[in-house]
PDB file of N, CA and C in Angstrom:
ATOM      1  N   UNK A   1      -6.539  20.465 -15.445  1.00  0.00           N
ATOM      2  CA  UNK A   1      -5.112  20.244 -15.484  1.00  0.00           C
ATOM      3  C   UNK A   1      -4.505  20.428 -14.097  1.00  0.00           C
ATOM      4  N   UNK A   2      -4.999  21.425 -13.380  1.00  0.00           N
ATOM      5  CA  UNK A   2      -4.476  21.693 -12.043  1.00  0.00           C
ATOM      6  C   UNK A   2      -4.675  20.491 -11.121  1.00  0.00           C
ATOM      7  N   UNK A   3      -5.842  19.860 -11.177  1.00  0.00           N
ATOM      8  CA  UNK A   3      -6.131  18.702 -10.326  1.00  0.00           C
ATOM      9  C   UNK A   3      -5.250  17.511 -10.688  1.00  0.00           C
ATOM     10  N   UNK A   4      -5.008  17.329 -11.962  1.00  0.00           N
ATOM     11  CA  UNK A   4      -4.154  16.220 -12.403  1.00  0.00           C
ATOM     12  C   UNK A   4      -2.743  16.402 -11.858  1.00  0.00           C
ATOM     13  N   UNK A   5      -2.180  17.572 -12.077  1.00  0.00           N
ATOM     14  CA  UNK A   5      -0.811  17.845 -11.625  1.00  0.00           C
ATOM     15  C   UNK A   5      -0.729  17.780 -10.103  1.00  0.00           C
ATOM     16  N   UNK A   6      -1.694  18.388  -9.414  1.00  0.00           N
ATOM     17  CA  UNK A   6      -1.678  18.383  -7.953  1.00  0.00           C
ATOM     18  C   UNK A   6      -1.692  16.957  -7.410  1.00  0.00           C
ATOM     19  N   UNK A   7      -2.560  16.117  -7.950  1.00  0.00           N
ATOM     20  CA  UNK A   7      -2.665  14.749  -7.437  1.00  0.00           C
ATOM     21  C   UNK A   7      -1.388  13.966  -7.686  1.00  0.00           C
ATOM     22  N   UNK A   8      -0.834  14.069  -8.878  1.00  0.00           N
ATOM     23  CA  UNK A   8       0.388  13.323  -9.177  1.00  0.00           C
ATOM     24  C   UNK A   8       1.563  13.807  -8.326  1.00  0.00           C
ATOM     25  N   UNK A   9       1.669  15.118  -8.133  1.00  0.00           N
ATOM     26  CA  UNK A   9       2.762  15.641  -7.296  1.00  0.00           C
ATOM     27  C   UNK A   9       2.575  15.270  -5.828  1.00  0.00           C
ATOM     28  N   UNK A  10       1.349  15.377  -5.323  1.00  0.00           N
ATOM     29  CA  UNK A  10       1.128  15.047  -3.910  1.00  0.00           C
ATOM     30  C   UNK A  10       1.376  13.567  -3.664  1.00  0.00           C
ATOM     31  N   UNK A  11       0.998  12.701  -4.604  1.00  0.00           N
ATOM     32  CA  UNK A  11       1.297  11.274  -4.443  1.00  0.00           C
ATOM     33  C   UNK A  11       2.798  11.022  -4.452  1.00  0.00           C
ATOM     34  N   UNK A  12       3.511  11.703  -5.331  1.00  0.00           N
ATOM     35  CA  UNK A  12       4.964  11.529  -5.392  1.00  0.00           C
ATOM     36  C   UNK A  12       5.619  11.874  -4.062  1.00  0.00           C
ATOM     37  N   UNK A  13       5.117  12.915  -3.408  1.00  0.00           N
ATOM     38  CA  UNK A  13       5.671  13.318  -2.115  1.00  0.00           C
ATOM     39  C   UNK A  13       5.207  12.381  -1.009  1.00  0.00           C
ATOM     40  N   UNK A  14       3.910  12.039  -0.995  1.00  0.00           N
ATOM     41  CA  UNK A  14       3.359  11.159   0.052  1.00  0.00           C
ATOM     42  C   UNK A  14       4.019   9.790   0.067  1.00  0.00           C
ATOM     43  N   UNK A  15       4.301   9.252  -1.097  1.00  0.00           N
ATOM     44  CA  UNK A  15       4.838   7.894  -1.190  1.00  0.00           C
ATOM     45  C   UNK A  15       6.340   7.883  -1.407  1.00  0.00           C
ATOM     46  N   UNK A  16       7.030   8.827  -0.746  1.00  0.00           N
ATOM     47  CA  UNK A  16       8.490   8.869  -0.828  1.00  0.00           C
ATOM     48  C   UNK A  16       9.089   7.695  -0.041  1.00  0.00           C
ATOM     49  N   UNK A  17      10.312   7.371  -0.384  1.00  0.00           N
ATOM     50  CA  UNK A  17      11.015   6.302   0.324  1.00  0.00           C
ATOM     51  C   UNK A  17      11.704   6.872   1.548  1.00  0.00           C
ATOM     52  N   UNK A  18      11.591   6.196   2.697  1.00  0.00           N
ATOM     53  CA  UNK A  18      12.306   6.677   3.890  1.00  0.00           C
ATOM     54  C   UNK A  18      13.816   6.459   3.786  1.00  0.00           C
ATOM     55  N   UNK A  19      14.251   5.713   2.762  1.00  0.00           N
ATOM     56  CA  UNK A  19      15.668   5.379   2.612  1.00  0.00           C
ATOM     57  C   UNK A  19      16.484   6.425   1.866  1.00  0.00           C
ATOM     58  N   UNK A  20      15.812   7.440   1.293  1.00  0.00           N
ATOM     59  CA  UNK A  20      16.549   8.446   0.514  1.00  0.00           C
ATOM     60  C   UNK A  20      15.748   9.750   0.462  1.00  0.00           C
ATOM     61  N   UNK A  21      16.426  10.853   0.232  1.00  0.00           N
ATOM     62  CA  UNK A  21      15.697  12.125   0.094  1.00  0.00           C
ATOM     63  C   UNK A  21      14.752  12.050  -1.106  1.00  0.00           C
ATOM     64  N   UNK A  22      13.536  12.564  -0.960  1.00  0.00           N
ATOM     65  CA  UNK A  22      12.604  12.515  -2.094  1.00  0.00           C
ATOM     66  C   UNK A  22      13.060  13.395  -3.246  1.00  0.00           C
ATOM     67  N   UNK A  23      12.821  12.895  -4.441  1.00  0.00           N
ATOM     68  CA  UNK A  23      13.119  13.655  -5.660  1.00  0.00           C
ATOM     69  C   UNK A  23      11.936  13.474  -6.608  1.00  0.00           C
ATOM     70  N   UNK A  24      11.427  14.581  -7.097  1.00  0.00           N
ATOM     71  CA  UNK A  24      10.308  14.555  -8.041  1.00  0.00           C
ATOM     72  C   UNK A  24      10.706  15.426  -9.234  1.00  0.00           C
ATOM     73  N   UNK A  25      10.613  14.857 -10.415  1.00  0.00           N
ATOM     74  CA  UNK A  25      10.900  15.587 -11.647  1.00  0.00           C
ATOM     75  C   UNK A  25       9.609  15.695 -12.447  1.00  0.00           C
ATOM     76  N   UNK A  26       9.344  16.884 -12.960  1.00  0.00           N
ATOM     77  CA  UNK A  26       8.178  17.120 -13.808  1.00  0.00           C
ATOM     78  C   UNK A  26       8.695  17.631 -15.145  1.00  0.00           C
ATOM     79  N   UNK A  27       8.228  16.991 -16.206  1.00  0.00           N
ATOM     80  CA  UNK A  27       8.654  17.385 -17.548  1.00  0.00           C
ATOM     81  C   UNK A  27       7.439  17.461 -18.457  1.00  0.00           C
ATOM     82  N   UNK A  28       7.526  18.284 -19.439  1.00  0.00           N
ATOM     83  CA  UNK A  28       6.498  18.353 -20.461  1.00  0.00           C
ATOM     84  C   UNK A  28       7.162  18.413 -21.819  1.00  0.00           C
ATOM     85  N   UNK A  29       6.581  17.741 -22.782  1.00  0.00           N
ATOM     86  CA  UNK A  29       7.101  17.791 -24.140  1.00  0.00           C
ATOM     87  C   UNK A  29       5.981  17.506 -25.124  1.00  0.00           C
ATOM     88  N   UNK A  30       6.238  17.854 -26.359  1.00  0.00           N
ATOM     89  CA  UNK A  30       5.239  17.695 -27.404  1.00  0.00           C
ATOM     90  C   UNK A  30       5.609  16.490 -28.257  1.00  0.00           C
ATOM     91  N   UNK A  31       4.629  15.643 -28.497  1.00  0.00           N
ATOM     92  CA  UNK A  31       4.735  14.500 -29.403  1.00  0.00           C
ATOM     93  C   UNK A  31       3.690  14.720 -30.498  1.00  0.00           C
ATOM     94  N   UNK A  32       3.833  14.057 -31.622  1.00  0.00           N
ATOM     95  CA  UNK A  32       2.818  14.230 -32.663  1.00  0.00           C
ATOM     96  C   UNK A  32       1.407  13.961 -32.121  1.00  0.00           C
ATOM     97  N   UNK A  33       0.582  14.999 -32.150  1.00  0.00           N
ATOM     98  CA  UNK A  33      -0.801  14.878 -31.725  1.00  0.00           C
ATOM     99  C   UNK A  33      -1.051  15.024 -30.240  1.00  0.00           C
ATOM    100  N   UNK A  34       0.000  15.046 -29.428  1.00  0.00           N
ATOM    101  CA  UNK A  34      -0.176  15.095 -27.972  1.00  0.00           C
ATOM    102  C   UNK A  34       0.845  16.004 -27.309  1.00  0.00           C
ATOM    103  N   UNK A  35       0.451  16.542 -26.184  1.00  0.00           N
ATOM    104  CA  UNK A  35       1.379  17.138 -25.242  1.00  0.00           C
ATOM    105  C   UNK A  35       1.494  16.137 -24.100  1.00  0.00           C
ATOM    106  N   UNK A  36       2.712  15.832 -23.693  1.00  0.00           N
ATOM    107  CA  UNK A  36       2.943  14.799 -22.688  1.00  0.00           C
ATOM    108  C   UNK A  36       3.488  15.439 -21.416  1.00  0.00           C
ATOM    109  N   UNK A  37       2.847  15.119 -20.296  1.00  0.00           N
ATOM    110  CA  UNK A  37       3.313  15.521 -18.974  1.00  0.00           C
ATOM    111  C   UNK A  37       3.894  14.286 -18.313  1.00  0.00           C
ATOM    112  N   UNK A  38       5.116  14.389 -17.809  1.00  0.00           N
ATOM    113  CA  UNK A  38       5.744  13.283 -17.083  1.00  0.00           C
ATOM    114  C   UNK A  38       5.978  13.716 -15.645  1.00  0.00           C
ATOM    115  N   UNK A  39       5.612  12.862 -14.708  1.00  0.00           N
ATOM    116  CA  UNK A  39       5.915  13.083 -13.291  1.00  0.00           C
ATOM    117  C   UNK A  39       6.669  11.853 -12.818  1.00  0.00           C
ATOM    118  N   UNK A  40       7.930  12.046 -12.467  1.00  0.00           N
ATOM    119  CA  UNK A  40       8.814  10.949 -12.063  1.00  0.00           C
ATOM    120  C   UNK A  40       9.243  11.157 -10.618  1.00  0.00           C
ATOM    121  N   UNK A  41       9.190  10.071  -9.826  1.00  0.00           N
ATOM    122  CA  UNK A  41       9.677  10.152  -8.450  1.00  0.00           C
ATOM    123  C   UNK A  41      10.596   8.977  -8.150  1.00  0.00           C
ATOM    124  N   UNK A  42      11.333   9.105  -7.066  1.00  0.00           N
ATOM    125  CA  UNK A  42      12.224   8.031  -6.612  1.00  0.00           C
ATOM    126  C   UNK A  42      11.666   7.385  -5.346  1.00  0.00           C
ATOM    127  N   UNK A  43      10.361   7.279  -5.273  1.00  0.00           N
ATOM    128  CA  UNK A  43       9.682   6.804  -4.068  1.00  0.00           C
ATOM    129  C   UNK A  43       9.604   5.301  -3.926  1.00  0.00           C
ATOM    130  N   UNK A  44       8.532   4.863  -3.271  1.00  0.00           N
ATOM    131  CA  UNK A  44       8.360   3.459  -2.932  1.00  0.00           C
ATOM    132  C   UNK A  44       8.150   2.564  -4.143  1.00  0.00           C
ATOM    133  N   UNK A  45       7.563   3.100  -5.187  1.00  0.00           N
ATOM    134  CA  UNK A  45       7.285   2.295  -6.361  1.00  0.00           C
ATOM    135  C   UNK A  45       6.099   1.375  -6.152  1.00  0.00           C
ATOM    136  N   UNK A  46       5.699   0.722  -7.223  1.00  0.00           N
ATOM    137  CA  UNK A  46       4.531  -0.149  -7.219  1.00  0.00           C
ATOM    138  C   UNK A  46       4.933  -1.458  -7.870  1.00  0.00           C
ATOM    139  N   UNK A  47       4.548  -2.566  -7.254  1.00  0.00           N
ATOM    140  CA  UNK A  47       4.855  -3.876  -7.815  1.00  0.00           C
ATOM    141  C   UNK A  47       4.135  -4.053  -9.148  1.00  0.00           C
ATOM    142  N   UNK A  48       4.785  -4.720 -10.078  1.00  0.00           N
ATOM    143  CA  UNK A  48       4.197  -4.939 -11.401  1.00  0.00           C
ATOM    144  C   UNK A  48       2.849  -5.649 -11.306  1.00  0.00           C
ATOM    145  N   UNK A  49       2.705  -6.543 -10.368  1.00  0.00           N
ATOM    146  CA  UNK A  49       1.443  -7.278 -10.222  1.00  0.00           C
ATOM    147  C   UNK A  49       0.292  -6.378  -9.779  1.00  0.00           C
ATOM    148  N   UNK A  50       0.599  -5.225  -9.183  1.00  0.00           N
ATOM    149  CA  UNK A  50      -0.434  -4.297  -8.718  1.00  0.00           C
ATOM    150  C   UNK A  50      -0.846  -3.271  -9.766  1.00  0.00           C
ATOM    151  N   UNK A  51      -0.044  -3.085 -10.799  1.00  0.00           N
ATOM    152  CA  UNK A  51      -0.294  -2.040 -11.788  1.00  0.00           C
ATOM    153  C   UNK A  51      -1.662  -2.139 -12.474  1.00  0.00           C
ATOM    154  N   UNK A  52      -2.167  -3.334 -12.800  1.00  0.00           N
ATOM    155  CA  UNK A  52      -3.489  -3.377 -13.448  1.00  0.00           C
ATOM    156  C   UNK A  52      -4.624  -2.809 -12.591  1.00  0.00           C
ATOM    157  N   UNK A  53      -4.452  -2.757 -11.283  1.00  0.00           N
ATOM    158  CA  UNK A  53      -5.490  -2.244 -10.383  1.00  0.00           C
ATOM    159  C   UNK A  53      -5.232  -0.814  -9.935  1.00  0.00           C
ATOM    160  N   UNK A  54      -4.164  -0.199 -10.397  1.00  0.00           N
ATOM    161  CA  UNK A  54      -3.730   1.107  -9.895  1.00  0.00           C
ATOM    162  C   UNK A  54      -4.789   2.193 -10.016  1.00  0.00           C
ATOM    163  N   UNK A  55      -5.531   2.222 -11.106  1.00  0.00           N
ATOM    164  CA  UNK A  55      -6.473   3.310 -11.346  1.00  0.00           C
ATOM    165  C   UNK A  55      -7.904   2.962 -10.943  1.00  0.00           C
ATOM    166  N   UNK A  56      -8.090   1.890 -10.180  1.00  0.00           N
ATOM    167  CA  UNK A  56      -9.438   1.541  -9.737  1.00  0.00           C
ATOM    168  C   UNK A  56      -9.780   2.311  -8.462  1.00  0.00           C
ATOM    169  N   UNK A  57     -11.070   2.567  -8.288  1.00  0.00           N
ATOM    170  CA  UNK A  57     -11.528   3.356  -7.147  1.00  0.00           C
ATOM    171  C   UNK A  57     -11.246   2.632  -5.822  1.00  0.00           C
ATOM    172  N   UNK A  58     -10.829   3.381  -4.824  1.00  0.00           N
ATOM    173  CA  UNK A  58     -10.541   2.941  -3.466  1.00  0.00           C
ATOM    174  C   UNK A  58      -9.357   1.972  -3.386  1.00  0.00           C
ATOM    175  N   UNK A  59      -8.511   1.952  -4.414  1.00  0.00           N
ATOM    176  CA  UNK A  59      -7.353   1.064  -4.415  1.00  0.00           C
ATOM    177  C   UNK A  59      -6.183   1.735  -3.708  1.00  0.00           C
ATOM    178  N   UNK A  60      -5.610   1.029  -2.741  1.00  0.00           N
ATOM    179  CA  UNK A  60      -4.437   1.546  -2.018  1.00  0.00           C
ATOM    180  C   UNK A  60      -3.437   0.423  -1.860  1.00  0.00           C
ATOM    181  N   UNK A  61      -2.165   0.716  -2.072  1.00  0.00           N
ATOM    182  CA  UNK A  61      -1.123  -0.305  -1.980  1.00  0.00           C
ATOM    183  C   UNK A  61      -0.197  -0.087  -0.792  1.00  0.00           C
ATOM    184  N   UNK A  62      -0.181   1.114  -0.234  1.00  0.00           N
ATOM    185  CA  UNK A  62       0.673   1.431   0.916  1.00  0.00           C
ATOM    186  C   UNK A  62      -0.233   1.994   2.012  1.00  0.00           C
ATOM    187  N   UNK A  63      -0.544   1.192   2.997  1.00  0.00           N
ATOM    188  CA  UNK A  63      -1.512   1.589   4.025  1.00  0.00           C
ATOM    189  C   UNK A  63      -0.958   2.543   5.078  1.00  0.00           C
ATOM    190  N   UNK A  64       0.355   2.745   5.120  1.00  0.00           N
ATOM    191  CA  UNK A  64       0.937   3.625   6.130  1.00  0.00           C
ATOM    192  C   UNK A  64       0.791   5.109   5.771  1.00  0.00           C
ATOM    193  N   UNK A  65       0.212   5.406   4.619  1.00  0.00           N
ATOM    194  CA  UNK A  65       0.017   6.774   4.162  1.00  0.00           C
ATOM    195  C   UNK A  65      -1.478   7.053   4.109  1.00  0.00           C
ATOM    196  N   UNK A  66      -1.888   8.211   4.660  1.00  0.00           N
ATOM    197  CA  UNK A  66      -3.306   8.581   4.624  1.00  0.00           C
ATOM    198  C   UNK A  66      -3.770   8.812   3.203  1.00  0.00           C
ATOM    199  N   UNK A  67      -5.020   8.470   2.959  1.00  0.00           N
ATOM    200  CA  UNK A  67      -5.616   8.715   1.651  1.00  0.00           C
ATOM    201  C   UNK A  67      -6.905   7.932   1.497  1.00  0.00           C
ATOM    202  N   UNK A  68      -7.660   8.283   0.481  1.00  0.00           N
ATOM    203  CA  UNK A  68      -8.951   7.638   0.252  1.00  0.00           C
ATOM    204  C   UNK A  68      -8.899   6.584  -0.845  1.00  0.00           C
ATOM    205  N   UNK A  69      -7.865   6.617  -1.687  1.00  0.00           N
ATOM    206  CA  UNK A  69      -7.787   5.671  -2.781  1.00  0.00           C
ATOM    207  C   UNK A  69      -8.601   6.076  -3.995  1.00  0.00           C
ATOM    208  N   UNK A  70      -8.968   7.355  -4.089  1.00  0.00           N
ATOM    209  CA  UNK A  70      -9.723   7.784  -5.274  1.00  0.00           C
ATOM    210  C   UNK A  70      -8.940   8.758  -6.153  1.00  0.00           C
ATOM    211  N   UNK A  71      -7.788   9.216  -5.703  1.00  0.00           N
ATOM    212  CA  UNK A  71      -7.034  10.227  -6.446  1.00  0.00           C
ATOM    213  C   UNK A  71      -6.653   9.796  -7.839  1.00  0.00           C
ATOM    214  N   UNK A  72      -6.006   8.648  -7.987  1.00  0.00           N
ATOM    215  CA  UNK A  72      -5.574   8.207  -9.308  1.00  0.00           C
ATOM    216  C   UNK A  72      -6.756   7.794 -10.175  1.00  0.00           C
ATOM    217  N   UNK A  73      -7.805   7.292  -9.544  1.00  0.00           N
ATOM    218  CA  UNK A  73      -9.029   6.992 -10.284  1.00  0.00           C
ATOM    219  C   UNK A  73      -9.560   8.275 -10.925  1.00  0.00           C
ATOM    220  N   UNK A  74      -9.613   9.355 -10.140  1.00  0.00           N
ATOM    221  CA  UNK A  74     -10.104  10.640 -10.644  1.00  0.00           C
ATOM    222  C   UNK A  74      -9.170  11.219 -11.717  1.00  0.00           C
ATOM    223  N   UNK A  75      -7.864  11.084 -11.514  1.00  0.00           N
ATOM    224  CA  UNK A  75      -6.908  11.571 -12.515  1.00  0.00           C
ATOM    225  C   UNK A  75      -7.164  10.876 -13.847  1.00  0.00           C
ATOM    226  N   UNK A  76      -7.306   9.558 -13.813  1.00  0.00           N
ATOM    227  CA  UNK A  76      -7.546   8.820 -15.051  1.00  0.00           C
ATOM    228  C   UNK A  76      -8.842   9.276 -15.712  1.00  0.00           C
ATOM    229  N   UNK A  77      -9.885   9.472 -14.929  1.00  0.00           N
ATOM    230  CA  UNK A  77     -11.163   9.922 -15.485  1.00  0.00           C
ATOM    231  C   UNK A  77     -11.024  11.299 -16.132  1.00  0.00           C
ATOM    232  N   UNK A  78     -10.321  12.223 -15.460  1.00  0.00           N
ATOM    233  CA  UNK A  78     -10.143  13.570 -16.020  1.00  0.00           C
ATOM    234  C   UNK A  78      -9.352  13.533 -17.325  1.00  0.00           C
ATOM    235  N   UNK A  79      -8.291  12.735 -17.337  1.00  0.00           N
ATOM    236  CA  UNK A  79      -7.460  12.628 -18.535  1.00  0.00           C
ATOM    237  C   UNK A  79      -8.275  12.029 -19.683  1.00  0.00           C
ATOM    238  N   UNK A  80      -9.004  10.959 -19.402  1.00  0.00           N
ATOM    239  CA  UNK A  80      -9.812  10.318 -20.442  1.00  0.00           C
ATOM    240  C   UNK A  80     -10.955  11.227 -20.908  1.00  0.00           C
ATOM    241  N   UNK A  81     -11.546  11.988 -19.996  1.00  0.00           N
ATOM    242  CA  UNK A  81     -12.605  12.931 -20.381  1.00  0.00           C
ATOM    243  C   UNK A  81     -12.079  14.027 -21.300  1.00  0.00           C
ATOM    244  N   UNK A  82     -10.778  14.309 -21.210  1.00  0.00           N
ATOM    245  CA  UNK A  82     -10.152  15.305 -22.084  1.00  0.00           C
ATOM    246  C   UNK A  82      -9.679  14.663 -23.392  1.00  0.00           C
ATOM    247  N   UNK A  83      -9.956  13.364 -23.559  1.00  0.00           N
ATOM    248  CA  UNK A  83      -9.554  12.667 -24.781  1.00  0.00           C
ATOM    249  C   UNK A  83      -8.148  12.110 -24.726  1.00  0.00           C
ATOM    250  N   UNK A  84      -7.531  12.097 -23.540  1.00  0.00           N
ATOM    251  CA  UNK A  84      -6.159  11.633 -23.408  1.00  0.00           C
ATOM    252  C   UNK A  84      -6.059  10.260 -22.792  1.00  0.00           C
ATOM    253  N   UNK A  85      -4.850   9.925 -22.413  1.00  0.00           N
ATOM    254  CA  UNK A  85      -4.595   8.655 -21.739  1.00  0.00           C
ATOM    255  C   UNK A  85      -3.469   8.845 -20.733  1.00  0.00           C
ATOM    256  N   UNK A  86      -3.399   7.928 -19.767  1.00  0.00           N
ATOM    257  CA  UNK A  86      -2.341   7.975 -18.758  1.00  0.00           C
ATOM    258  C   UNK A  86      -1.681   6.610 -18.696  1.00  0.00           C
ATOM    259  N   UNK A  87      -0.360   6.620 -18.594  1.00  0.00           N
ATOM    260  CA  UNK A  87       0.421   5.393 -18.479  1.00  0.00           C
ATOM    261  C   UNK A  87       1.311   5.515 -17.259  1.00  0.00           C
ATOM    262  N   UNK A  88       1.707   4.377 -16.726  1.00  0.00           N
ATOM    263  CA  UNK A  88       2.583   4.372 -15.565  1.00  0.00           C
ATOM    264  C   UNK A  88       3.664   3.314 -15.756  1.00  0.00           C
ATOM    265  N   UNK A  89       4.878   3.692 -15.393  1.00  0.00           N
ATOM    266  CA  UNK A  89       5.998   2.762 -15.345  1.00  0.00           C
ATOM    267  C   UNK A  89       6.516   2.837 -13.918  1.00  0.00           C
ATOM    268  N   UNK A  90       6.696   1.694 -13.283  1.00  0.00           N
ATOM    269  CA  UNK A  90       7.120   1.709 -11.892  1.00  0.00           C
ATOM    270  C   UNK A  90       7.975   0.488 -11.580  1.00  0.00           C
ATOM    271  N   UNK A  91       8.834   0.677 -10.598  1.00  0.00           N
ATOM    272  CA  UNK A  91       9.639  -0.424 -10.091  1.00  0.00           C
ATOM    273  C   UNK A  91       9.586  -0.363  -8.570  1.00  0.00           C
ATOM    274  N   UNK A  92       9.142  -1.431  -7.972  1.00  0.00           N
ATOM    275  CA  UNK A  92       9.020  -1.482  -6.518  1.00  0.00           C
ATOM    276  C   UNK A  92      10.364  -1.159  -5.876  1.00  0.00           C
ATOM    277  N   UNK A  93      10.361  -0.200  -4.974  1.00  0.00           N
ATOM    278  CA  UNK A  93      11.567   0.212  -4.276  1.00  0.00           C
ATOM    279  C   UNK A  93      12.422   1.226  -5.003  1.00  0.00           C
ATOM    280  N   UNK A  94      12.053   1.584  -6.235  1.00  0.00           N
ATOM    281  CA  UNK A  94      12.887   2.500  -7.013  1.00  0.00           C
ATOM    282  C   UNK A  94      12.160   3.762  -7.451  1.00  0.00           C
ATOM    283  N   UNK A  95      10.837   3.704  -7.617  1.00  0.00           N
ATOM    284  CA  UNK A  95      10.111   4.903  -8.020  1.00  0.00           C
ATOM    285  C   UNK A  95       9.111   4.638  -9.127  1.00  0.00           C
ATOM    286  N   UNK A  96       8.429   5.716  -9.503  1.00  0.00           N
ATOM    287  CA  UNK A  96       7.328   5.630 -10.455  1.00  0.00           C
ATOM    288  C   UNK A  96       7.363   6.831 -11.392  1.00  0.00           C
ATOM    289  N   UNK A  97       6.957   6.593 -12.637  1.00  0.00           N
ATOM    290  CA  UNK A  97       6.782   7.670 -13.598  1.00  0.00           C
ATOM    291  C   UNK A  97       5.390   7.564 -14.202  1.00  0.00           C
ATOM    292  N   UNK A  98       4.652   8.667 -14.151  1.00  0.00           N
ATOM    293  CA  UNK A  98       3.354   8.773 -14.802  1.00  0.00           C
ATOM    294  C   UNK A  98       3.533   9.577 -16.073  1.00  0.00           C
ATOM    295  N   UNK A  99       2.906   9.126 -17.149  1.00  0.00           N
ATOM    296  CA  UNK A  99       2.911   9.811 -18.439  1.00  0.00           C
ATOM    297  C   UNK A  99       1.465  10.166 -18.756  1.00  0.00           C
ATOM    298  N   UNK A 100       1.176  11.455 -18.858  1.00  0.00           N
ATOM    299  CA  UNK A 100      -0.163  11.925 -19.186  1.00  0.00           C
ATOM    300  C   UNK A 100      -0.111  12.469 -20.610  1.00  0.00           C
ATOM    301  N   UNK A 101      -0.878  11.838 -21.510  1.00  0.00           N
ATOM    302  CA  UNK A 101      -0.930  12.237 -22.913  1.00  0.00           C
ATOM    303  C   UNK A 101      -2.223  13.005 -23.142  1.00  0.00           C
ATOM    304  N   UNK A 102      -2.090  14.280 -23.451  1.00  0.00           N
ATOM    305  CA  UNK A 102      -3.256  15.130 -23.719  1.00  0.00           C
ATOM    306  C   UNK A 102      -3.261  15.500 -25.190  1.00  0.00           C
ATOM    307  N   UNK A 103      -4.381  15.244 -25.874  1.00  0.00           N
ATOM    308  CA  UNK A 103      -4.411  15.500 -27.311  1.00  0.00           C
ATOM    309  C   UNK A 103      -4.405  16.989 -27.619  1.00  0.00           C
ATOM    310  N   UNK A 104      -3.810  17.312 -28.726  1.00  0.00           N
ATOM    311  CA  UNK A 104      -3.865  18.690 -29.198  1.00  0.00           C
ATOM    312  C   UNK A 104      -5.269  18.954 -29.700  1.00  0.00           C
ATOM    313  N   UNK A 105      -5.769  20.136 -29.405  1.00  0.00           N
ATOM    314  CA  UNK A 105      -7.091  20.504 -29.909  1.00  0.00           C
ATOM    315  C   UNK A 105      -6.956  20.959 -31.349  1.00  0.00           C
ATOM    316  N   UNK A 106      -8.029  20.886 -32.059  1.00  0.00           N
ATOM    317  CA  UNK A 106      -8.024  21.407 -33.419  1.00  0.00           C
ATOM    318  C   UNK A 106      -7.950  22.920 -33.310  1.00  0.00           C
ATOM    319  N   UNK A 107      -6.871  23.470 -33.811  1.00  0.00           N
ATOM    320  CA  UNK A 107      -6.656  24.917 -33.679  1.00  0.00           C
ATOM    321  C   UNK A 107      -6.124  25.462 -34.997  1.00  0.00           C
ATOM    322  N   UNK A 108      -6.237  26.745 -35.130  1.00  0.00           N
ATOM    323  CA  UNK A 108      -5.693  27.396 -36.313  1.00  0.00           C
ATOM    324  C   UNK A 108      -4.175  27.375 -36.245  1.00  0.00           C
ATOM    325  N   UNK A 109      -3.551  27.474 -37.397  1.00  0.00           N
ATOM    326  CA  UNK A 109      -2.092  27.479 -37.458  1.00  0.00           C
ATOM    327  C   UNK A 109      -1.538  28.583 -36.568  1.00  0.00           C
ATOM    328  N   UNK A 110      -0.510  28.255 -35.821  1.00  0.00           N
ATOM    329  CA  UNK A 110       0.136  29.222 -34.945  1.00  0.00           C
ATOM    330  C   UNK A 110      -0.453  29.279 -33.555  1.00  0.00           C
ATOM    331  N   UNK A 111      -1.596  28.626 -33.329  1.00  0.00           N
ATOM    332  CA  UNK A 111      -2.203  28.612 -32.000  1.00  0.00           C
ATOM    333  C   UNK A 111      -1.510  27.568 -31.137  1.00  0.00           C
ATOM    334  N   UNK A 112      -1.537  27.713 -29.822  1.00  0.00           N
ATOM    335  CA  UNK A 112      -0.919  26.718 -28.964  1.00  0.00           C
ATOM    336  C   UNK A 112      -1.603  25.370 -29.135  1.00  0.00           C
ATOM    337  N   UNK A 113      -0.894  24.242 -28.834  1.00  0.00           N
ATOM    338  CA  UNK A 113      -1.447  22.915 -29.056  1.00  0.00           C
ATOM    339  C   UNK A 113      -2.615  22.571 -28.141  1.00  0.00           C
ATOM    340  N   UNK A 114      -2.814  23.315 -27.075  1.00  0.00           N
ATOM    341  CA  UNK A 114      -3.944  23.107 -26.174  1.00  0.00           C
ATOM    342  C   UNK A 114      -4.339  24.468 -25.629  1.00  0.00           C
ATOM    343  N   UNK A 115      -5.539  24.607 -25.122  1.00  0.00           N
ATOM    344  CA  UNK A 115      -5.963  25.927 -24.636  1.00  0.00           C
ATOM    345  C   UNK A 115      -4.992  26.481 -23.603  1.00  0.00           C
ATOM    346  N   UNK A 116      -4.633  27.726 -23.746  1.00  0.00           N
ATOM    347  CA  UNK A 116      -3.698  28.368 -22.823  1.00  0.00           C
ATOM    348  C   UNK A 116      -4.363  28.620 -21.471  1.00  0.00           C
ATOM    349  N   UNK A 117      -3.594  28.474 -20.429  1.00  0.00           N
ATOM    350  CA  UNK A 117      -4.078  28.764 -19.081  1.00  0.00           C
ATOM    351  C   UNK A 117      -3.944  30.258 -18.837  1.00  0.00           C
ATOM    352  N   UNK A 118      -5.023  30.865 -18.460  1.00  0.00           N
ATOM    353  CA  UNK A 118      -5.012  32.298 -18.158  1.00  0.00           C
ATOM    354  C   UNK A 118      -5.370  32.453 -16.690  1.00  0.00           C
ATOM    355  N   UNK A 119      -4.413  32.904 -15.854  1.00  0.00           N
ATOM    356  CA  UNK A 119      -4.712  33.053 -14.425  1.00  0.00           C
ATOM    357  C   UNK A 119      -5.823  34.043 -14.175  1.00  0.00           C
ATOM    358  N   UNK A 120      -6.641  33.748 -13.183  1.00  0.00           N
ATOM    359  CA  UNK A 120      -7.756  34.663 -12.873  1.00  0.00           C
ATOM    360  C   UNK A 120      -7.340  35.695 -11.850  1.00  0.00           C
TER     361      UNK A 120
END
């Protein structure tokens, strides 16, 4: 979970728009069967034609920012390995929102919907 959040937040900051102060909103909420993490930014955005390739390895759409092009590929793999899915809504020049859907684990009544994070 830490890697997923870190990558989405760092991308939101890296791909900020030079035309406005960066703003990143992080929200979490529960939907039937899933806990949903939303990361919304007001950055550069992604063209609709590029969205089908967004989660492929070594894919980069903004070359003026350092990176390897594997971050979102890895995020998608981690989310899918946990049984979840990731969606993206974006508008070029306006920003991007990532939705990470993580399934609730089978737990006894009264238990949290996913394993609790216990700091070491």
